[in-house]
Amino acid sequence: MTLWKSFGASVRGPGHVATGKPNQDAWASFHYAWGDGIVISDGLGSKPFSDVGSAAVCRAVVFSANACRDITEIDHNSLSNCIKTNWLSFITPLEPRDCAATCLFALRLGDGAIHLGMLGDGLAAAVKANGTIVQLSEDKSQGFSNITAALSPNTSPKDWRYLLLAEEECAAVLLCTDGVADDLDNIEGFVKGFIEAHRSLAAVSANRHVREMLENWPTPKHSDDKTIVCLCREDVTHE
């Protein structure tokens, strides 16, 4: 029997602690009979309601996943449009430009696949059953490195990147915002080490360990909010 569990944490960066601003990152997870998933979002720091926007992104992904629960062939273009529509609804009456936020998700929706999606920066990495790692990360080679994609009324499916993995080939997925991803010199080593250190823990303990790690982040002069969330496969055998 296969189960999926999740754990993670999000903390304010020292920059926001010093200025009294809220955490502009957000995350969510869900586990239902019809599917499992995780989502993270990083509100753009220049926007006045980016914390509202990131929270709305997480809610929009969960709602959109539920809308796909009975679809045998999930169309990523339709999924991304559904996320945008829900997000615009959830931030009303605020202006979308004031709530811009990124979106990364990993979803298991009963069609035999793990769906990874990414709009903006950060990192989405999946550990396959054979130990290899596949990942999504933002390609900034075609533009300025300080400009990132984010949800807006003009977001189109081509702005997203997707990765599809057969469910039986996926052991775990890790998502993190750029406050973590930008500090990683060895992404594969970090992903494998993080998952091995936490996957055997109960969710409450894992959440606490992740929070402590983020609160004691070793990179000097780091200031950004930091979020890490993991979705792990558990094969349960009955005695």
C-alpha atoms as a PDB file:
ATOM      1  CA  MET A   1       0.000   0.000   0.000  1.00  0.00           C
ATOM      2  CA  THR A   2       1.356   3.409  -0.968  1.00  0.00           C
ATOM      3  CA  LEU A   3       0.709   6.566   1.013  1.00  0.00           C
ATOM      4  CA  TRP A   4       2.004  10.090   0.472  1.00  0.00           C
ATOM      5  CA  LYS A   5       2.919  12.417   3.318  1.00  0.00           C
ATOM      6  CA  SER A   6       4.102  16.007   3.393  1.00  0.00           C
ATOM      7  CA  PHE A   7       6.036  18.297   5.675  1.00  0.00           C
ATOM      8  CA  GLY A   8       7.599  21.741   5.483  1.00  0.00           C
ATOM      9  CA  ALA A   9       7.965  25.185   6.976  1.00  0.00           C
ATOM     10  CA  SER A  10       8.166  28.845   6.069  1.00  0.00           C
ATOM     11  CA  VAL A  11       9.959  31.594   7.985  1.00  0.00           C
ATOM     12  CA  ARG A  12      10.358  35.324   7.618  1.00  0.00           C
ATOM     13  CA  GLY A  13      13.759  36.449   6.463  1.00  0.00           C
ATOM     14  CA  PRO A  14      15.814  38.766   8.693  1.00  0.00           C
ATOM     15  CA  GLY A  15      15.022  41.630   6.335  1.00  0.00           C
ATOM     16  CA  HIS A  16      11.286  41.352   6.989  1.00  0.00           C
ATOM     17  CA  VAL A  17      11.786  40.707  10.700  1.00  0.00           C
ATOM     18  CA  ALA A  18      13.802  43.931  10.952  1.00  0.00           C
ATOM     19  CA  THR A  19      11.195  46.010   9.109  1.00  0.00           C
ATOM     20  CA  GLY A  20       8.156  44.342  10.696  1.00  0.00           C
ATOM     21  CA  LYS A  21       6.811  43.105   7.369  1.00  0.00           C
ATOM     22  CA  PRO A  22       4.868  39.825   7.119  1.00  0.00           C
ATOM     23  CA  ASN A  23       6.214  36.660   5.534  1.00  0.00           C
ATOM     24  CA  GLN A  24       5.599  36.995   1.795  1.00  0.00           C
ATOM     25  CA  ASP A  25       6.048  33.243   1.240  1.00  0.00           C
ATOM     26  CA  ALA A  26       3.198  30.776   1.708  1.00  0.00           C
ATOM     27  CA  TRP A  27       2.714  27.029   1.393  1.00  0.00           C
ATOM     28  CA  ALA A  28      -0.029  24.418   1.620  1.00  0.00           C
ATOM     29  CA  SER A  29      -0.455  20.668   1.371  1.00  0.00           C
ATOM     30  CA  PHE A  30      -3.414  18.339   1.025  1.00  0.00           C
ATOM     31  CA  HIS A  31      -4.068  14.638   1.364  1.00  0.00           C
ATOM     32  CA  TYR A  32      -7.420  13.237   0.259  1.00  0.00           C
ATOM     33  CA  ALA A  33      -8.681   9.939  -1.084  1.00  0.00           C
ATOM     34  CA  TRP A  34      -8.573  11.426  -4.589  1.00  0.00           C
ATOM     35  CA  GLY A  35      -5.071  12.854  -4.415  1.00  0.00           C
ATOM     36  CA  ASP A  36      -2.165  14.510  -2.650  1.00  0.00           C
ATOM     37  CA  GLY A  37      -0.222  17.675  -3.271  1.00  0.00           C
ATOM     38  CA  ILE A  38       2.027  20.479  -2.115  1.00  0.00           C
ATOM     39  CA  VAL A  39       2.325  24.089  -3.271  1.00  0.00           C
ATOM     40  CA  ILE A  40       4.544  27.043  -2.408  1.00  0.00           C
ATOM     41  CA  SER A  41       4.403  30.684  -3.440  1.00  0.00           C
ATOM     42  CA  ASP A  42       6.697  33.694  -3.073  1.00  0.00           C
ATOM     43  CA  GLY A  43       5.009  37.067  -3.158  1.00  0.00           C
ATOM     44  CA  LEU A  44       6.997  39.644  -5.109  1.00  0.00           C
ATOM     45  CA  GLY A  45       8.680  41.876  -2.555  1.00  0.00           C
ATOM     46  CA  SER A  46       7.938  45.090  -4.423  1.00  0.00           C
ATOM     47  CA  LYS A  47       4.167  44.537  -4.252  1.00  0.00           C
ATOM     48  CA  PRO A  48       2.132  45.923  -1.329  1.00  0.00           C
ATOM     49  CA  PHE A  49      -0.104  42.846  -0.903  1.00  0.00           C
ATOM     50  CA  SER A  50       2.297  40.112  -1.966  1.00  0.00           C
ATOM     51  CA  ASP A  51       1.557  38.140   1.219  1.00  0.00           C
ATOM     52  CA  VAL A  52      -2.139  38.088   0.256  1.00  0.00           C
ATOM     53  CA  GLY A  53      -1.172  37.028  -3.254  1.00  0.00           C
ATOM     54  CA  SER A  54       1.013  34.125  -2.146  1.00  0.00           C
ATOM     55  CA  ALA A  55      -1.628  32.792   0.252  1.00  0.00           C
ATOM     56  CA  ALA A  56      -4.213  33.041  -2.550  1.00  0.00           C
ATOM     57  CA  VAL A  57      -1.899  31.087  -4.897  1.00  0.00           C
ATOM     58  CA  CYS A  58      -1.775  28.169  -2.467  1.00  0.00           C
ATOM     59  CA  ARG A  59      -5.535  28.171  -2.057  1.00  0.00           C
ATOM     60  CA  ALA A  60      -6.020  28.403  -5.830  1.00  0.00           C
ATOM     61  CA  VAL A  61      -3.824  25.359  -6.506  1.00  0.00           C
ATOM     62  CA  VAL A  62      -5.704  23.226  -3.974  1.00  0.00           C
ATOM     63  CA  PHE A  63      -9.056  24.282  -5.465  1.00  0.00           C
ATOM     64  CA  SER A  64      -7.798  23.624  -8.999  1.00  0.00           C
ATOM     65  CA  ALA A  65      -6.460  20.200  -8.045  1.00  0.00           C
ATOM     66  CA  ASN A  66      -9.892  19.311  -6.691  1.00  0.00           C
ATOM     67  CA  ALA A  67     -11.415  20.363 -10.023  1.00  0.00           C
ATOM     68  CA  CYS A  68      -9.134  17.852 -11.793  1.00  0.00           C
ATOM     69  CA  ARG A  69      -9.919  14.938  -9.496  1.00  0.00           C
ATOM     70  CA  ASP A  70     -12.084  13.006 -11.972  1.00  0.00           C
ATOM     71  CA  ILE A  71     -10.151  13.827 -15.147  1.00  0.00           C
ATOM     72  CA  THR A  72      -8.256  10.862 -16.596  1.00  0.00           C
ATOM     73  CA  GLU A  73      -6.005  12.960 -18.844  1.00  0.00           C
ATOM     74  CA  ILE A  74      -5.036  16.202 -17.131  1.00  0.00           C
ATOM     75  CA  ASP A  75      -4.279  19.064 -19.502  1.00  0.00           C
ATOM     76  CA  HIS A  76      -1.633  21.381 -18.081  1.00  0.00           C
ATOM     77  CA  ASN A  77      -2.890  24.373 -20.042  1.00  0.00           C
ATOM     78  CA  SER A  78      -6.341  23.966 -18.525  1.00  0.00           C
ATOM     79  CA  LEU A  79      -4.842  23.442 -15.074  1.00  0.00           C
ATOM     80  CA  SER A  80      -2.755  26.621 -15.259  1.00  0.00           C
ATOM     81  CA  ASN A  81      -5.739  28.639 -16.476  1.00  0.00           C
ATOM     82  CA  CYS A  82      -7.852  27.226 -13.653  1.00  0.00           C
ATOM     83  CA  ILE A  83      -5.201  28.267 -11.117  1.00  0.00           C
ATOM     84  CA  LYS A  84      -5.121  31.795 -12.556  1.00  0.00           C
ATOM     85  CA  THR A  85      -8.934  32.108 -12.530  1.00  0.00           C
ATOM     86  CA  ASN A  86      -9.170  30.930  -8.918  1.00  0.00           C
ATOM     87  CA  TRP A  87      -6.308  33.209  -7.851  1.00  0.00           C
ATOM     88  CA  LEU A  88      -7.953  36.269  -9.416  1.00  0.00           C
ATOM     89  CA  SER A  89     -11.156  35.392  -7.598  1.00  0.00           C
ATOM     90  CA  PHE A  90      -9.448  34.924  -4.226  1.00  0.00           C
ATOM     91  CA  ILE A  91      -7.560  38.248  -4.298  1.00  0.00           C
ATOM     92  CA  THR A  92     -10.662  40.298  -5.197  1.00  0.00           C
ATOM     93  CA  PRO A  93     -11.164  43.241  -4.616  1.00  0.00           C
ATOM     94  CA  LEU A  94      -7.389  43.887  -4.576  1.00  0.00           C
ATOM     95  CA  GLU A  95      -5.578  44.757  -7.792  1.00  0.00           C
ATOM     96  CA  PRO A  96      -3.735  41.748  -9.264  1.00  0.00           C
ATOM     97  CA  ARG A  97      -0.578  43.810  -9.852  1.00  0.00           C
ATOM     98  CA  ASP A  98      -0.433  44.499  -6.105  1.00  0.00           C
ATOM     99  CA  CYS A  99      -0.598  40.779  -5.256  1.00  0.00           C
ATOM    100  CA  ALA A 100       1.825  39.247  -7.776  1.00  0.00           C
ATOM    101  CA  ALA A 101       3.325  35.949  -6.621  1.00  0.00           C
ATOM    102  CA  THR A 102       5.124  32.898  -7.971  1.00  0.00           C
ATOM    103  CA  CYS A 103       3.716  29.353  -7.956  1.00  0.00           C
ATOM    104  CA  LEU A 104       5.343  25.923  -7.638  1.00  0.00           C
ATOM    105  CA  PHE A 105       3.382  22.730  -7.110  1.00  0.00           C
ATOM    106  CA  ALA A 106       3.562  18.946  -7.114  1.00  0.00           C
ATOM    107  CA  LEU A 107       0.267  17.059  -7.501  1.00  0.00           C
ATOM    108  CA  ARG A 108      -0.785  13.416  -7.459  1.00  0.00           C
ATOM    109  CA  LEU A 109      -4.291  13.341  -8.871  1.00  0.00           C
ATOM    110  CA  GLY A 110      -5.021   9.687  -9.508  1.00  0.00           C
ATOM    111  CA  ASP A 111      -4.001   9.534 -13.170  1.00  0.00           C
ATOM    112  CA  GLY A 112      -0.816   7.593 -12.432  1.00  0.00           C
ATOM    113  CA  ALA A 113       1.457  10.624 -12.634  1.00  0.00           C
ATOM    114  CA  ILE A 114       3.095  13.261 -10.467  1.00  0.00           C
ATOM    115  CA  HIS A 115       2.563  16.704 -11.985  1.00  0.00           C
ATOM    116  CA  LEU A 116       5.162  19.386 -11.235  1.00  0.00           C
ATOM    117  CA  GLY A 117       4.486  22.956 -12.280  1.00  0.00           C
ATOM    118  CA  MET A 118       6.477  26.156 -11.916  1.00  0.00           C
ATOM    119  CA  LEU A 119       5.755  29.812 -12.616  1.00  0.00           C
ATOM    120  CA  GLY A 120       8.574  32.123 -11.554  1.00  0.00           C
ATOM    121  CA  ASP A 121      11.675  31.342  -9.542  1.00  0.00           C
ATOM    122  CA  GLY A 122      12.578  28.834  -6.870  1.00  0.00           C
ATOM    123  CA  LEU A 123      13.225  25.112  -7.227  1.00  0.00           C
ATOM    124  CA  ALA A 124      11.120  21.999  -7.807  1.00  0.00           C
ATOM    125  CA  ALA A 125      13.118  18.770  -7.615  1.00  0.00           C
ATOM    126  CA  ALA A 126      11.907  15.174  -7.755  1.00  0.00           C
ATOM    127  CA  VAL A 127      13.889  12.191  -6.511  1.00  0.00           C
ATOM    128  CA  LYS A 128      13.193   9.171  -8.663  1.00  0.00           C
ATOM    129  CA  ALA A 129      13.001   5.631  -7.329  1.00  0.00           C
ATOM    130  CA  ASN A 130      16.456   4.890  -8.775  1.00  0.00           C
ATOM    131  CA  GLY A 131      17.990   7.816  -6.863  1.00  0.00           C
ATOM    132  CA  THR A 132      18.386  10.225  -9.763  1.00  0.00           C
ATOM    133  CA  ILE A 133      17.057  13.765  -9.508  1.00  0.00           C
ATOM    134  CA  VAL A 134      15.110  15.776 -12.072  1.00  0.00           C
ATOM    135  CA  GLN A 135      14.322  19.424 -11.495  1.00  0.00           C
ATOM    136  CA  LEU A 136      12.614  22.573 -12.644  1.00  0.00           C
ATOM    137  CA  SER A 137      14.267  25.934 -12.123  1.00  0.00           C
ATOM    138  CA  GLU A 138      13.740  29.314 -13.723  1.00  0.00           C
ATOM    139  CA  ASP A 139      15.682  30.052 -16.892  1.00  0.00           C
ATOM    140  CA  LYS A 140      16.943  33.617 -16.465  1.00  0.00           C
ATOM    141  CA  SER A 141      19.319  33.461 -19.411  1.00  0.00           C
ATOM    142  CA  GLN A 142      16.878  35.334 -21.648  1.00  0.00           C
ATOM    143  CA  GLY A 143      16.261  38.292 -19.377  1.00  0.00           C
ATOM    144  CA  PHE A 144      17.302  40.259 -16.347  1.00  0.00           C
ATOM    145  CA  SER A 145      18.068  38.079 -13.344  1.00  0.00           C
ATOM    146  CA  ASN A 146      16.007  40.263 -11.004  1.00  0.00           C
ATOM    147  CA  ILE A 147      12.811  39.905 -13.043  1.00  0.00           C
ATOM    148  CA  THR A 148      10.697  36.836 -12.393  1.00  0.00           C
ATOM    149  CA  ALA A 149       7.414  35.539 -13.759  1.00  0.00           C
ATOM    150  CA  ALA A 150       4.375  35.778 -11.478  1.00  0.00           C
ATOM    151  CA  LEU A 151       0.640  35.293 -11.614  1.00  0.00           C
ATOM    152  CA  SER A 152      -1.246  38.124 -13.288  1.00  0.00           C
ATOM    153  CA  PRO A 153      -4.319  38.472 -15.525  1.00  0.00           C
ATOM    154  CA  ASN A 154      -1.942  38.176 -18.505  1.00  0.00           C
ATOM    155  CA  THR A 155      -0.290  34.933 -17.410  1.00  0.00           C
ATOM    156  CA  SER A 156      -0.550  32.324 -20.165  1.00  0.00           C
ATOM    157  CA  PRO A 157       0.191  28.582 -20.174  1.00  0.00           C
ATOM    158  CA  LYS A 158       3.469  29.200 -22.052  1.00  0.00           C
ATOM    159  CA  ASP A 159       4.787  31.090 -19.020  1.00  0.00           C
ATOM    160  CA  TRP A 160       4.782  27.858 -16.985  1.00  0.00           C
ATOM    161  CA  ARG A 161       7.247  24.983 -16.949  1.00  0.00           C
ATOM    162  CA  TYR A 162       6.023  21.456 -16.329  1.00  0.00           C
ATOM    163  CA  LEU A 163       7.482  18.090 -15.499  1.00  0.00           C
ATOM    164  CA  LEU A 164       5.529  14.855 -15.580  1.00  0.00           C
ATOM    165  CA  LEU A 165       6.712  11.718 -13.762  1.00  0.00           C
ATOM    166  CA  ALA A 166       5.142   8.287 -13.546  1.00  0.00           C
ATOM    167  CA  GLU A 167       3.893   7.917  -9.968  1.00  0.00           C
ATOM    168  CA  GLU A 168       5.727   4.627  -9.394  1.00  0.00           C
ATOM    169  CA  GLU A 169       9.008   6.264 -10.477  1.00  0.00           C
ATOM    170  CA  CYS A 170       8.760   9.115  -7.973  1.00  0.00           C
ATOM    171  CA  ALA A 171      10.060   8.725  -4.416  1.00  0.00           C
ATOM    172  CA  ALA A 172       9.777  12.340  -3.257  1.00  0.00           C
ATOM    173  CA  VAL A 173       9.416  15.936  -4.416  1.00  0.00           C
ATOM    174  CA  LEU A 174      10.974  19.000  -2.807  1.00  0.00           C
ATOM    175  CA  LEU A 175       9.837  22.568  -3.454  1.00  0.00           C
ATOM    176  CA  CYS A 176      11.599  25.670  -2.194  1.00  0.00           C
ATOM    177  CA  THR A 177      11.385  29.406  -2.786  1.00  0.00           C
ATOM    178  CA  ASP A 178      14.331  31.399  -4.099  1.00  0.00           C
ATOM    179  CA  GLY A 179      15.291  32.403  -0.556  1.00  0.00           C
ATOM    180  CA  VAL A 180      16.537  28.816  -0.255  1.00  0.00           C
ATOM    181  CA  ALA A 181      17.230  27.883  -3.883  1.00  0.00           C
ATOM    182  CA  ASP A 182      19.528  30.839  -4.579  1.00  0.00           C
ATOM    183  CA  ASP A 183      21.829  29.800  -1.709  1.00  0.00           C
ATOM    184  CA  LEU A 184      22.345  26.214  -2.873  1.00  0.00           C
ATOM    185  CA  ASP A 185      25.727  25.360  -4.397  1.00  0.00           C
ATOM    186  CA  ASN A 186      24.987  21.637  -4.676  1.00  0.00           C
ATOM    187  CA  ILE A 187      21.296  21.208  -5.437  1.00  0.00           C
ATOM    188  CA  GLU A 188      21.328  17.424  -5.816  1.00  0.00           C
ATOM    189  CA  GLY A 189      23.272  16.952  -2.582  1.00  0.00           C
ATOM    190  CA  PHE A 190      20.948  19.257  -0.676  1.00  0.00           C
ATOM    191  CA  VAL A 191      17.781  17.627  -2.013  1.00  0.00           C
ATOM    192  CA  LYS A 192      18.927  14.084  -1.250  1.00  0.00           C
ATOM    193  CA  GLY A 193      20.319  14.988   2.168  1.00  0.00           C
ATOM    194  CA  PHE A 194      17.228  16.960   3.175  1.00  0.00           C
ATOM    195  CA  ILE A 195      14.811  14.196   2.212  1.00  0.00           C
ATOM    196  CA  GLU A 196      16.852  11.431   3.860  1.00  0.00           C
ATOM    197  CA  ALA A 197      17.105  13.461   7.060  1.00  0.00           C
ATOM    198  CA  HIS A 198      13.360  14.041   7.332  1.00  0.00           C
ATOM    199  CA  ARG A 199      11.355  11.388   5.497  1.00  0.00           C
ATOM    200  CA  SER A 200      11.340   8.877   8.373  1.00  0.00           C
ATOM    201  CA  LEU A 201      10.118  11.459  10.902  1.00  0.00           C
ATOM    202  CA  ALA A 202       6.494  12.033  11.852  1.00  0.00           C
ATOM    203  CA  ALA A 203       5.114  15.104  10.087  1.00  0.00           C
ATOM    204  CA  VAL A 204       5.006  17.219  13.266  1.00  0.00           C
ATOM    205  CA  SER A 205       8.650  16.445  14.054  1.00  0.00           C
ATOM    206  CA  ALA A 206       9.716  17.005  10.454  1.00  0.00           C
ATOM    207  CA  ASN A 207       7.928  20.374  10.364  1.00  0.00           C
ATOM    208  CA  ARG A 208       9.748  21.431  13.530  1.00  0.00           C
ATOM    209  CA  HIS A 209      13.146  20.318  12.214  1.00  0.00           C
ATOM    210  CA  VAL A 210      12.615  22.173   8.928  1.00  0.00           C
ATOM    211  CA  ARG A 211      11.594  25.349  10.740  1.00  0.00           C
ATOM    212  CA  GLU A 212      14.666  25.173  12.988  1.00  0.00           C
ATOM    213  CA  MET A 213      16.890  24.687   9.940  1.00  0.00           C
ATOM    214  CA  LEU A 214      15.405  27.717   8.174  1.00  0.00           C
ATOM    215  CA  GLU A 215      15.618  29.876  11.294  1.00  0.00           C
ATOM    216  CA  ASN A 216      19.313  29.029  11.567  1.00  0.00           C
ATOM    217  CA  TRP A 217      20.107  29.325   7.860  1.00  0.00           C
ATOM    218  CA  PRO A 218      23.900  29.406   7.496  1.00  0.00           C
ATOM    219  CA  THR A 219      24.300  31.759   4.520  1.00  0.00           C
ATOM    220  CA  PRO A 220      25.819  35.063   5.716  1.00  0.00           C
ATOM    221  CA  LYS A 221      23.749  38.223   5.205  1.00  0.00           C
ATOM    222  CA  HIS A 222      20.733  36.325   3.887  1.00  0.00           C
ATOM    223  CA  SER A 223      17.590  38.419   4.164  1.00  0.00           C
ATOM    224  CA  ASP A 224      14.849  36.719   2.122  1.00  0.00           C
ATOM    225  CA  ASP A 225      11.886  34.706   3.402  1.00  0.00           C
ATOM    226  CA  LYS A 226      12.491  30.970   3.152  1.00  0.00           C
ATOM    227  CA  THR A 227      10.133  28.071   2.458  1.00  0.00           C
ATOM    228  CA  ILE A 228      10.745  24.354   1.929  1.00  0.00           C
ATOM    229  CA  VAL A 229       8.018  21.737   1.451  1.00  0.00           C
ATOM    230  CA  CYS A 230       8.355  18.045   0.662  1.00  0.00           C
ATOM    231  CA  LEU A 231       5.969  15.370  -0.632  1.00  0.00           C
ATOM    232  CA  CYS A 232       7.194  11.840   0.164  1.00  0.00           C
ATOM    233  CA  ARG A 233       6.093   8.390  -0.914  1.00  0.00           C
ATOM    234  CA  GLU A 234       5.603   5.819   1.853  1.00  0.00           C
ATOM    235  CA  ASP A 235       5.191   2.156   1.018  1.00  0.00           C
ATOM    236  CA  VAL A 236       3.288   0.585   3.900  1.00  0.00           C
ATOM    237  CA  THR A 237       3.345  -3.179   4.363  1.00  0.00           C
ATOM    238  CA  HIS A 238       0.730  -4.965   6.430  1.00  0.00           C
ATOM    239  CA  GLU A 239       2.026  -7.592   8.801  1.00  0.00           C
END
